[in-house]
Amino acid sequence: MGGNNTIRCGGSVATNQYRAVLFDSDGVLVERPDRQRLAAAVARAFAAFDLPDPSAADVRALLAGNVDVFEPRCRRNGVDLRTFCRRTVREVVRTQCGAFDRGVRSLYDDAGALHTLARRGLALGVVTNNHRRVVSVALRQSTLADRFEVVRGADFSPDGVRERKPSPHNLTAALATLDVDPSEALYVGDSDVDVLAAERAGVDSAFVRRSHRADYDLPVEPTYEVESLEALPTLLDGTEPDAASAAPALGRRFEVAAGRVRVHPSGAGRPDQGRVAAPPGTSLGTD
């Protein structure tokens, strides 16, 4: 690689520290879903139970996983809340999978850097607040499907939402599957709930500031901040990405762009897992 791909790390890189790297899905590995299409999917779920059309606030609440607020409305209309949640999941998942099948949504090109990480012996996994089926469909249409040893998705139910990020539950469960200690793992995400879940699990975090997060005010400090997944090989062992990351995520060759990474002050030591207050609600299909 050329010299202009050198990554500035504030004088340090995470040399040989990690055995596993886990990733959020939407906004990190795959493009974010179209909010209007998701809103239409939610409206179809409401219509299936003859409920009034959802307001914009209703859509935001459902996509954020705040299902308990719909319990009184469902009860008044004789609708079982769990049945309503299952139908909502069916509509939202079908909409997202259809977007991948039609090619209007895909993995980011820089996800090809994950081939480099896998070749270097790192265990890879996905921990997402989206549905596991959506992630599986996205990965099947890429060259990365066989690279992931564990995929943990969200259970969109009154009980399951309590285990979604920022809860560390699914992150901890994924590490247990991999038999990796939290101190040996890095979690890569693009939101506050990702950083908070990592912190609560005792895991270092890397925040990816893509264009949709250019002005995002992150209320909690990640261990690292990167502009691209292509920065990860250098961050993890101080070397350039393999020149043969020639099988990128979408199966087509691409140029490795310069990636920059910033090490946050919290990278100097493991954060206190108990110091963060409760964040905003989690999401279905956006984190």
C-alpha atoms as a PDB file:
ATOM      1  CA  MET A   1       0.000   0.000   0.000  1.00  0.00           C
ATOM      2  CA  GLY A   2       1.073   3.550  -0.594  1.00  0.00           C
ATOM      3  CA  GLY A   3       2.208   5.907   2.106  1.00  0.00           C
ATOM      4  CA  ASN A   4      -0.980   7.939   1.942  1.00  0.00           C
ATOM      5  CA  ASN A   5      -2.812   5.007   3.547  1.00  0.00           C
ATOM      6  CA  THR A   6      -0.899   5.487   6.786  1.00  0.00           C
ATOM      7  CA  ILE A   7      -3.301   5.677   9.710  1.00  0.00           C
ATOM      8  CA  ARG A   8      -2.711   8.164  12.489  1.00  0.00           C
ATOM      9  CA  CYS A   9      -3.389   6.569  15.848  1.00  0.00           C
ATOM     10  CA  GLY A  10      -2.303   9.150  18.356  1.00  0.00           C
ATOM     11  CA  GLY A  11       0.902   7.212  18.958  1.00  0.00           C
ATOM     12  CA  SER A  12      -0.627   3.801  19.707  1.00  0.00           C
ATOM     13  CA  VAL A  13      -2.378   0.867  18.110  1.00  0.00           C
ATOM     14  CA  ALA A  14      -4.066  -2.128  19.666  1.00  0.00           C
ATOM     15  CA  THR A  15      -1.221  -4.501  18.790  1.00  0.00           C
ATOM     16  CA  ASN A  16      -2.162  -8.172  19.317  1.00  0.00           C
ATOM     17  CA  GLN A  17      -4.681  -7.244  21.992  1.00  0.00           C
ATOM     18  CA  TYR A  18      -7.792  -8.784  20.495  1.00  0.00           C
ATOM     19  CA  ARG A  19      -8.917 -12.285  19.571  1.00  0.00           C
ATOM     20  CA  ALA A  20     -12.371 -11.302  18.296  1.00  0.00           C
ATOM     21  CA  VAL A  21     -14.036  -8.375  16.553  1.00  0.00           C
ATOM     22  CA  LEU A  22     -17.827  -8.035  16.696  1.00  0.00           C
ATOM     23  CA  PHE A  23     -19.829  -5.670  14.503  1.00  0.00           C
ATOM     24  CA  ASP A  24     -23.127  -3.870  14.562  1.00  0.00           C
ATOM     25  CA  SER A  25     -25.036  -4.348  11.317  1.00  0.00           C
ATOM     26  CA  ASP A  26     -26.974  -1.314  10.029  1.00  0.00           C
ATOM     27  CA  GLY A  27     -24.748   1.665   9.313  1.00  0.00           C
ATOM     28  CA  VAL A  28     -21.597  -0.373   9.938  1.00  0.00           C
ATOM     29  CA  LEU A  29     -21.617  -3.454   7.703  1.00  0.00           C
ATOM     30  CA  VAL A  30     -24.751  -2.767   5.672  1.00  0.00           C
ATOM     31  CA  GLU A  31     -26.465   0.354   4.412  1.00  0.00           C
ATOM     32  CA  ARG A  32     -29.170   1.744   6.642  1.00  0.00           C
ATOM     33  CA  PRO A  33     -32.787   0.878   5.770  1.00  0.00           C
ATOM     34  CA  ASP A  34     -35.123   3.337   4.098  1.00  0.00           C
ATOM     35  CA  ARG A  35     -37.194   4.909   6.861  1.00  0.00           C
ATOM     36  CA  GLN A  36     -40.201   5.534   4.619  1.00  0.00           C
ATOM     37  CA  ARG A  37     -40.360   1.870   3.652  1.00  0.00           C
ATOM     38  CA  LEU A  38     -40.101   0.868   7.299  1.00  0.00           C
ATOM     39  CA  ALA A  39     -42.927   3.282   8.160  1.00  0.00           C
ATOM     40  CA  ALA A  40     -45.072   1.680   5.450  1.00  0.00           C
ATOM     41  CA  ALA A  41     -44.302  -1.754   6.920  1.00  0.00           C
ATOM     42  CA  VAL A  42     -45.422  -0.584  10.364  1.00  0.00           C
ATOM     43  CA  ALA A  43     -48.624   0.828   8.821  1.00  0.00           C
ATOM     44  CA  ARG A  44     -49.385  -2.576   7.292  1.00  0.00           C
ATOM     45  CA  ALA A  45     -49.047  -4.186  10.714  1.00  0.00           C
ATOM     46  CA  PHE A  46     -51.523  -1.685  12.177  1.00  0.00           C
ATOM     47  CA  ALA A  47     -53.937  -2.281   9.311  1.00  0.00           C
ATOM     48  CA  ALA A  48     -53.805  -6.039   9.854  1.00  0.00           C
ATOM     49  CA  PHE A  49     -55.498  -5.502  13.243  1.00  0.00           C
ATOM     50  CA  ASP A  50     -57.830  -2.701  12.089  1.00  0.00           C
ATOM     51  CA  LEU A  51     -55.944  -0.227  14.239  1.00  0.00           C
ATOM     52  CA  PRO A  52     -55.933   3.459  13.248  1.00  0.00           C
ATOM     53  CA  ASP A  53     -53.071   4.518  11.006  1.00  0.00           C
ATOM     54  CA  PRO A  54     -49.885   4.979  13.051  1.00  0.00           C
ATOM     55  CA  SER A  55     -48.590   8.473  13.651  1.00  0.00           C
ATOM     56  CA  ALA A  56     -44.981   9.428  13.046  1.00  0.00           C
ATOM     57  CA  ALA A  57     -44.465   9.095  16.811  1.00  0.00           C
ATOM     58  CA  ASP A  58     -45.934   5.576  16.714  1.00  0.00           C
ATOM     59  CA  VAL A  59     -43.507   4.568  13.984  1.00  0.00           C
ATOM     60  CA  ARG A  60     -40.555   6.018  15.880  1.00  0.00           C
ATOM     61  CA  ALA A  61     -41.595   4.210  19.048  1.00  0.00           C
ATOM     62  CA  LEU A  62     -41.935   0.837  17.344  1.00  0.00           C
ATOM     63  CA  LEU A  63     -38.679   1.126  15.433  1.00  0.00           C
ATOM     64  CA  ALA A  64     -37.020   2.115  18.705  1.00  0.00           C
ATOM     65  CA  GLY A  65     -38.308  -1.046  20.350  1.00  0.00           C
ATOM     66  CA  ASN A  66     -40.627   0.780  22.755  1.00  0.00           C
ATOM     67  CA  VAL A  67     -43.409  -1.784  22.404  1.00  0.00           C
ATOM     68  CA  ASP A  68     -44.838  -1.472  25.918  1.00  0.00           C
ATOM     69  CA  VAL A  69     -46.394   1.895  25.062  1.00  0.00           C
ATOM     70  CA  PHE A  70     -48.754   0.064  22.676  1.00  0.00           C
ATOM     71  CA  GLU A  71     -50.076  -2.330  25.319  1.00  0.00           C
ATOM     72  CA  PRO A  72     -53.039  -0.100  26.378  1.00  0.00           C
ATOM     73  CA  ARG A  73     -54.042   0.509  22.757  1.00  0.00           C
ATOM     74  CA  CYS A  74     -53.870  -3.173  21.902  1.00  0.00           C
ATOM     75  CA  ARG A  75     -55.882  -4.064  25.002  1.00  0.00           C
ATOM     76  CA  ARG A  76     -58.598  -1.533  24.137  1.00  0.00           C
ATOM     77  CA  ASN A  77     -58.893  -3.006  20.661  1.00  0.00           C
ATOM     78  CA  GLY A  78     -58.794  -6.644  21.767  1.00  0.00           C
ATOM     79  CA  VAL A  79     -55.366  -7.271  20.230  1.00  0.00           C
ATOM     80  CA  ASP A  80     -52.744  -9.404  21.950  1.00  0.00           C
ATOM     81  CA  LEU A  81     -49.534  -7.377  22.249  1.00  0.00           C
ATOM     82  CA  ARG A  82     -47.265 -10.328  21.433  1.00  0.00           C
ATOM     83  CA  THR A  83     -49.300 -11.134  18.337  1.00  0.00           C
ATOM     84  CA  PHE A  84     -49.071  -7.483  17.296  1.00  0.00           C
ATOM     85  CA  CYS A  85     -45.286  -7.532  17.797  1.00  0.00           C
ATOM     86  CA  ARG A  86     -44.898 -10.696  15.731  1.00  0.00           C
ATOM     87  CA  ARG A  87     -46.871  -9.179  12.854  1.00  0.00           C
ATOM     88  CA  THR A  88     -44.832  -5.977  13.016  1.00  0.00           C
ATOM     89  CA  VAL A  89     -41.605  -7.989  12.869  1.00  0.00           C
ATOM     90  CA  ARG A  90     -42.915  -9.962   9.887  1.00  0.00           C
ATOM     91  CA  GLU A  91     -43.693  -6.786   7.940  1.00  0.00           C
ATOM     92  CA  VAL A  92     -40.459  -4.969   8.838  1.00  0.00           C
ATOM     93  CA  VAL A  93     -38.253  -8.008   8.150  1.00  0.00           C
ATOM     94  CA  ARG A  94     -40.001  -8.711   4.831  1.00  0.00           C
ATOM     95  CA  THR A  95     -39.473  -5.109   3.756  1.00  0.00           C
ATOM     96  CA  GLN A  96     -35.776  -5.164   4.597  1.00  0.00           C
ATOM     97  CA  CYS A  97     -35.097  -8.550   3.022  1.00  0.00           C
ATOM     98  CA  GLY A  98     -36.889  -7.398  -0.119  1.00  0.00           C
ATOM     99  CA  ALA A  99     -34.560  -4.403  -0.353  1.00  0.00           C
ATOM    100  CA  PHE A 100     -31.533  -6.717  -0.348  1.00  0.00           C
ATOM    101  CA  ASP A 101     -33.142  -9.086  -2.846  1.00  0.00           C
ATOM    102  CA  ARG A 102     -33.822  -6.177  -5.228  1.00  0.00           C
ATOM    103  CA  GLY A 103     -30.311  -4.825  -4.826  1.00  0.00           C
ATOM    104  CA  VAL A 104     -31.423  -1.442  -3.482  1.00  0.00           C
ATOM    105  CA  ARG A 105     -29.599  -2.071  -0.211  1.00  0.00           C
ATOM    106  CA  SER A 106     -26.247  -3.800   0.260  1.00  0.00           C
ATOM    107  CA  LEU A 107     -23.097  -4.104   2.316  1.00  0.00           C
ATOM    108  CA  TYR A 108     -20.682  -1.194   2.281  1.00  0.00           C
ATOM    109  CA  ASP A 109     -17.711  -1.739  -0.007  1.00  0.00           C
ATOM    110  CA  ASP A 110     -15.225  -1.270   2.823  1.00  0.00           C
ATOM    111  CA  ALA A 111     -16.660  -4.343   4.584  1.00  0.00           C
ATOM    112  CA  GLY A 112     -14.185  -6.201   2.382  1.00  0.00           C
ATOM    113  CA  ALA A 113     -11.561  -5.294   4.994  1.00  0.00           C
ATOM    114  CA  LEU A 114     -13.080  -8.022   7.157  1.00  0.00           C
ATOM    115  CA  HIS A 115     -11.470 -10.629   4.904  1.00  0.00           C
ATOM    116  CA  THR A 116      -8.126  -9.299   6.110  1.00  0.00           C
ATOM    117  CA  LEU A 117      -9.155  -9.643   9.754  1.00  0.00           C
ATOM    118  CA  ALA A 118     -10.370 -13.208   9.241  1.00  0.00           C
ATOM    119  CA  ARG A 119      -7.181 -14.214   7.434  1.00  0.00           C
ATOM    120  CA  ARG A 120      -5.201 -12.923  10.395  1.00  0.00           C
ATOM    121  CA  GLY A 121      -6.996 -15.324  12.702  1.00  0.00           C
ATOM    122  CA  LEU A 122      -9.515 -13.009  14.368  1.00  0.00           C
ATOM    123  CA  ALA A 123     -12.924 -14.447  15.185  1.00  0.00           C
ATOM    124  CA  LEU A 124     -15.700 -12.300  13.687  1.00  0.00           C
ATOM    125  CA  GLY A 125     -19.311 -11.872  14.721  1.00  0.00           C
ATOM    126  CA  VAL A 126     -22.384  -9.655  14.406  1.00  0.00           C
ATOM    127  CA  VAL A 127     -24.433  -8.302  17.313  1.00  0.00           C
ATOM    128  CA  THR A 128     -27.339  -6.184  16.117  1.00  0.00           C
ATOM    129  CA  ASN A 129     -30.671  -4.780  17.235  1.00  0.00           C
ATOM    130  CA  ASN A 130     -32.025  -5.778  13.846  1.00  0.00           C
ATOM    131  CA  HIS A 131     -33.580  -9.168  13.190  1.00  0.00           C
ATOM    132  CA  ARG A 132     -31.173 -12.059  12.631  1.00  0.00           C
ATOM    133  CA  ARG A 133     -32.899 -13.038   9.387  1.00  0.00           C
ATOM    134  CA  VAL A 134     -32.203  -9.605   7.871  1.00  0.00           C
ATOM    135  CA  VAL A 135     -28.495  -9.933   8.654  1.00  0.00           C
ATOM    136  CA  SER A 136     -28.411 -13.474   7.259  1.00  0.00           C
ATOM    137  CA  VAL A 137     -29.983 -12.343   3.974  1.00  0.00           C
ATOM    138  CA  ALA A 138     -27.488  -9.471   3.673  1.00  0.00           C
ATOM    139  CA  LEU A 139     -24.497 -11.718   4.323  1.00  0.00           C
ATOM    140  CA  ARG A 140     -25.678 -14.430   1.926  1.00  0.00           C
ATOM    141  CA  GLN A 141     -25.514 -11.890  -0.888  1.00  0.00           C
ATOM    142  CA  SER A 142     -21.902 -11.064  -0.094  1.00  0.00           C
ATOM    143  CA  THR A 143     -18.585 -12.894   0.091  1.00  0.00           C
ATOM    144  CA  LEU A 144     -18.557 -12.534   3.884  1.00  0.00           C
ATOM    145  CA  ALA A 145     -21.187 -15.086   4.907  1.00  0.00           C
ATOM    146  CA  ASP A 146     -18.648 -17.740   5.923  1.00  0.00           C
ATOM    147  CA  ARG A 147     -16.456 -15.288   7.798  1.00  0.00           C
ATOM    148  CA  PHE A 148     -18.777 -14.841  10.786  1.00  0.00           C
ATOM    149  CA  GLU A 149     -18.744 -17.401  13.570  1.00  0.00           C
ATOM    150  CA  VAL A 150     -21.691 -15.935  15.471  1.00  0.00           C
ATOM    151  CA  VAL A 151     -24.662 -13.690  14.612  1.00  0.00           C
ATOM    152  CA  ARG A 152     -26.890 -12.381  17.404  1.00  0.00           C
ATOM    153  CA  GLY A 153     -30.033 -10.498  16.435  1.00  0.00           C
ATOM    154  CA  ALA A 154     -32.815  -8.855  18.406  1.00  0.00           C
ATOM    155  CA  ASP A 155     -35.989 -10.471  19.678  1.00  0.00           C
ATOM    156  CA  PHE A 156     -38.702  -7.893  19.030  1.00  0.00           C
ATOM    157  CA  SER A 157     -41.053  -8.830  21.841  1.00  0.00           C
ATOM    158  CA  PRO A 158     -42.062  -7.267  25.166  1.00  0.00           C
ATOM    159  CA  ASP A 159     -39.449  -9.420  26.909  1.00  0.00           C
ATOM    160  CA  GLY A 160     -36.832  -9.498  24.170  1.00  0.00           C
ATOM    161  CA  VAL A 161     -36.469  -5.731  23.843  1.00  0.00           C
ATOM    162  CA  ARG A 162     -34.972  -5.644  27.332  1.00  0.00           C
ATOM    163  CA  GLU A 163     -32.016  -7.661  26.010  1.00  0.00           C
ATOM    164  CA  ARG A 164     -31.343  -5.320  23.109  1.00  0.00           C
ATOM    165  CA  LYS A 165     -28.511  -2.811  23.100  1.00  0.00           C
ATOM    166  CA  PRO A 166     -27.574  -0.880  25.171  1.00  0.00           C
ATOM    167  CA  SER A 167     -28.021  -3.999  27.280  1.00  0.00           C
ATOM    168  CA  PRO A 168     -24.794  -6.032  27.060  1.00  0.00           C
ATOM    169  CA  HIS A 169     -26.796  -9.292  26.958  1.00  0.00           C
ATOM    170  CA  ASN A 170     -26.323 -10.235  23.293  1.00  0.00           C
ATOM    171  CA  LEU A 171     -22.739  -9.004  23.203  1.00  0.00           C
ATOM    172  CA  THR A 172     -21.879 -11.110  26.244  1.00  0.00           C
ATOM    173  CA  ALA A 173     -23.695 -14.114  24.772  1.00  0.00           C
ATOM    174  CA  ALA A 174     -21.791 -13.790  21.481  1.00  0.00           C
ATOM    175  CA  LEU A 175     -18.458 -13.729  23.322  1.00  0.00           C
ATOM    176  CA  ALA A 176     -19.475 -16.808  25.298  1.00  0.00           C
ATOM    177  CA  THR A 177     -20.204 -18.611  22.019  1.00  0.00           C
ATOM    178  CA  LEU A 178     -16.746 -17.661  20.762  1.00  0.00           C
ATOM    179  CA  ASP A 179     -15.147 -18.511  24.133  1.00  0.00           C
ATOM    180  CA  VAL A 180     -13.469 -15.104  24.146  1.00  0.00           C
ATOM    181  CA  ASP A 181     -12.948 -12.952  27.238  1.00  0.00           C
ATOM    182  CA  PRO A 182     -14.394  -9.406  27.017  1.00  0.00           C
ATOM    183  CA  SER A 183     -10.885  -7.986  27.474  1.00  0.00           C
ATOM    184  CA  GLU A 184      -9.884  -9.707  24.223  1.00  0.00           C
ATOM    185  CA  ALA A 185     -12.724  -8.329  22.083  1.00  0.00           C
ATOM    186  CA  LEU A 186     -13.530  -5.172  20.128  1.00  0.00           C
ATOM    187  CA  TYR A 187     -17.063  -4.077  19.211  1.00  0.00           C
ATOM    188  CA  VAL A 188     -17.525  -1.869  16.149  1.00  0.00           C
ATOM    189  CA  GLY A 189     -20.656   0.299  15.940  1.00  0.00           C
ATOM    190  CA  ASP A 190     -22.078   3.631  14.843  1.00  0.00           C
ATOM    191  CA  SER A 191     -24.330   4.761  17.702  1.00  0.00           C
ATOM    192  CA  ASP A 192     -24.425   5.546  21.387  1.00  0.00           C
ATOM    193  CA  VAL A 193     -26.180   2.265  22.183  1.00  0.00           C
ATOM    194  CA  ASP A 194     -23.291   0.368  20.566  1.00  0.00           C
ATOM    195  CA  VAL A 195     -20.672   2.142  22.651  1.00  0.00           C
ATOM    196  CA  LEU A 196     -22.766   1.783  25.806  1.00  0.00           C
ATOM    197  CA  ALA A 197     -23.377  -1.939  25.254  1.00  0.00           C
ATOM    198  CA  ALA A 198     -19.648  -2.479  24.747  1.00  0.00           C
ATOM    199  CA  GLU A 199     -18.777  -0.510  27.857  1.00  0.00           C
ATOM    200  CA  ARG A 200     -21.267  -2.431  29.977  1.00  0.00           C
ATOM    201  CA  ALA A 201     -19.917  -5.727  28.642  1.00  0.00           C
ATOM    202  CA  GLY A 202     -16.337  -4.711  29.453  1.00  0.00           C
ATOM    203  CA  VAL A 203     -15.447  -4.623  25.755  1.00  0.00           C
ATOM    204  CA  ASP A 204     -13.444  -1.976  23.886  1.00  0.00           C
ATOM    205  CA  SER A 205     -15.377  -0.103  21.195  1.00  0.00           C
ATOM    206  CA  ALA A 206     -14.664   1.464  17.816  1.00  0.00           C
ATOM    207  CA  PHE A 207     -17.109   4.107  16.588  1.00  0.00           C
ATOM    208  CA  VAL A 208     -17.413   4.329  12.780  1.00  0.00           C
ATOM    209  CA  ARG A 209     -18.162   7.894  11.738  1.00  0.00           C
ATOM    210  CA  ARG A 210     -19.611   7.390   8.276  1.00  0.00           C
ATOM    211  CA  SER A 211     -21.234  10.246   6.375  1.00  0.00           C
ATOM    212  CA  HIS A 212     -24.617   9.653   8.050  1.00  0.00           C
ATOM    213  CA  ARG A 213     -22.864  10.219  11.392  1.00  0.00           C
ATOM    214  CA  ALA A 214     -20.837  13.265  10.355  1.00  0.00           C
ATOM    215  CA  ASP A 215     -22.614  15.572  12.817  1.00  0.00           C
ATOM    216  CA  TYR A 216     -23.605  12.895  15.333  1.00  0.00           C
ATOM    217  CA  ASP A 217     -23.014  14.015  18.918  1.00  0.00           C
ATOM    218  CA  LEU A 218     -21.793  10.884  20.658  1.00  0.00           C
ATOM    219  CA  PRO A 219     -22.577  11.282  24.373  1.00  0.00           C
ATOM    220  CA  VAL A 220     -20.177   8.563  25.520  1.00  0.00           C
ATOM    221  CA  GLU A 221     -16.503   8.081  24.627  1.00  0.00           C
ATOM    222  CA  PRO A 222     -15.595   5.045  22.518  1.00  0.00           C
ATOM    223  CA  THR A 223     -12.146   3.493  22.792  1.00  0.00           C
ATOM    224  CA  TYR A 224     -11.429   4.352  19.144  1.00  0.00           C
ATOM    225  CA  GLU A 225     -13.040   6.332  16.365  1.00  0.00           C
ATOM    226  CA  VAL A 226     -12.552   5.407  12.704  1.00  0.00           C
ATOM    227  CA  GLU A 227     -13.843   6.770   9.417  1.00  0.00           C
ATOM    228  CA  SER A 228     -13.885   3.463   7.579  1.00  0.00           C
ATOM    229  CA  LEU A 229     -13.722  -0.277   8.225  1.00  0.00           C
ATOM    230  CA  GLU A 230     -10.546  -0.209   6.150  1.00  0.00           C
ATOM    231  CA  ALA A 231      -8.838   1.372   9.156  1.00  0.00           C
ATOM    232  CA  LEU A 232      -9.367  -1.717  11.311  1.00  0.00           C
ATOM    233  CA  PRO A 233      -6.433  -3.903  10.162  1.00  0.00           C
ATOM    234  CA  THR A 234      -4.009  -1.088  10.930  1.00  0.00           C
ATOM    235  CA  LEU A 235      -5.742  -0.274  14.194  1.00  0.00           C
ATOM    236  CA  LEU A 236      -5.565  -3.882  15.339  1.00  0.00           C
ATOM    237  CA  ASP A 237      -1.967  -4.743  14.558  1.00  0.00           C
ATOM    238  CA  GLY A 238      -0.293  -1.671  13.128  1.00  0.00           C
ATOM    239  CA  THR A 239       0.008  -3.038   9.573  1.00  0.00           C
ATOM    240  CA  GLU A 240      -1.616  -2.070   6.294  1.00  0.00           C
ATOM    241  CA  PRO A 241      -4.676  -4.025   5.050  1.00  0.00           C
ATOM    242  CA  ASP A 242      -3.707  -7.039   2.977  1.00  0.00           C
ATOM    243  CA  ALA A 243      -3.156  -6.064  -0.647  1.00  0.00           C
ATOM    244  CA  ALA A 244      -5.138  -9.181  -1.413  1.00  0.00           C
ATOM    245  CA  SER A 245      -8.308  -7.994   0.272  1.00  0.00           C
ATOM    246  CA  ALA A 246      -9.212  -8.784  -3.273  1.00  0.00           C
ATOM    247  CA  ALA A 247     -12.453 -10.447  -2.360  1.00  0.00           C
ATOM    248  CA  PRO A 248     -14.303  -7.491  -0.926  1.00  0.00           C
ATOM    249  CA  ALA A 249     -17.743  -7.680   0.572  1.00  0.00           C
ATOM    250  CA  LEU A 250     -19.671  -7.472  -2.682  1.00  0.00           C
ATOM    251  CA  GLY A 251     -17.318  -9.651  -4.692  1.00  0.00           C
ATOM    252  CA  ARG A 252     -15.883  -6.817  -6.762  1.00  0.00           C
ATOM    253  CA  ARG A 253     -12.420  -5.259  -6.543  1.00  0.00           C
ATOM    254  CA  PHE A 254     -12.069  -1.800  -5.043  1.00  0.00           C
ATOM    255  CA  GLU A 255      -9.316   0.603  -4.083  1.00  0.00           C
ATOM    256  CA  VAL A 256      -8.491   0.849  -0.416  1.00  0.00           C
ATOM    257  CA  ALA A 257      -9.084   4.465   0.536  1.00  0.00           C
ATOM    258  CA  ALA A 258      -7.114   6.184   3.245  1.00  0.00           C
ATOM    259  CA  GLY A 259      -8.703   5.504   6.620  1.00  0.00           C
ATOM    260  CA  ARG A 260      -8.052   7.622   9.681  1.00  0.00           C
ATOM    261  CA  VAL A 261      -8.471   6.563  13.267  1.00  0.00           C
ATOM    262  CA  ARG A 262      -8.473   8.507  16.473  1.00  0.00           C
ATOM    263  CA  VAL A 263      -7.741   6.935  19.842  1.00  0.00           C
ATOM    264  CA  HIS A 264      -9.983   8.430  22.524  1.00  0.00           C
ATOM    265  CA  PRO A 265      -8.759   9.067  26.049  1.00  0.00           C
ATOM    266  CA  SER A 266     -10.794   6.093  27.244  1.00  0.00           C
ATOM    267  CA  GLY A 267      -8.470   3.876  25.224  1.00  0.00           C
ATOM    268  CA  ALA A 268      -5.837   4.286  27.905  1.00  0.00           C
ATOM    269  CA  GLY A 269      -7.744   1.984  30.246  1.00  0.00           C
ATOM    270  CA  ARG A 270     -10.930  -0.017  30.476  1.00  0.00           C
ATOM    271  CA  PRO A 271     -13.954   2.152  31.232  1.00  0.00           C
ATOM    272  CA  ASP A 272     -15.954   1.772  34.417  1.00  0.00           C
ATOM    273  CA  GLN A 273     -18.930  -0.372  33.414  1.00  0.00           C
ATOM    274  CA  GLY A 274     -21.269   1.235  35.913  1.00  0.00           C
ATOM    275  CA  ARG A 275     -20.846   4.931  35.224  1.00  0.00           C
ATOM    276  CA  VAL A 276     -23.205   5.428  32.268  1.00  0.00           C
ATOM    277  CA  ALA A 277     -26.818   6.485  32.694  1.00  0.00           C
ATOM    278  CA  ALA A 278     -29.623   4.833  30.762  1.00  0.00           C
ATOM    279  CA  PRO A 279     -29.685   5.934  27.081  1.00  0.00           C
ATOM    280  CA  PRO A 280     -32.538   6.490  24.675  1.00  0.00           C
ATOM    281  CA  GLY A 281     -34.540   3.530  23.371  1.00  0.00           C
ATOM    282  CA  THR A 282     -33.052   0.916  21.109  1.00  0.00           C
ATOM    283  CA  SER A 283     -34.160   0.335  17.552  1.00  0.00           C
ATOM    284  CA  LEU A 284     -35.472  -2.245  15.127  1.00  0.00           C
ATOM    285  CA  GLY A 285     -33.729  -2.069  11.777  1.00  0.00           C
ATOM    286  CA  THR A 286     -31.575   1.001  12.423  1.00  0.00           C
ATOM    287  CA  ASP A 287     -28.792  -0.113  14.772  1.00  0.00           C
END
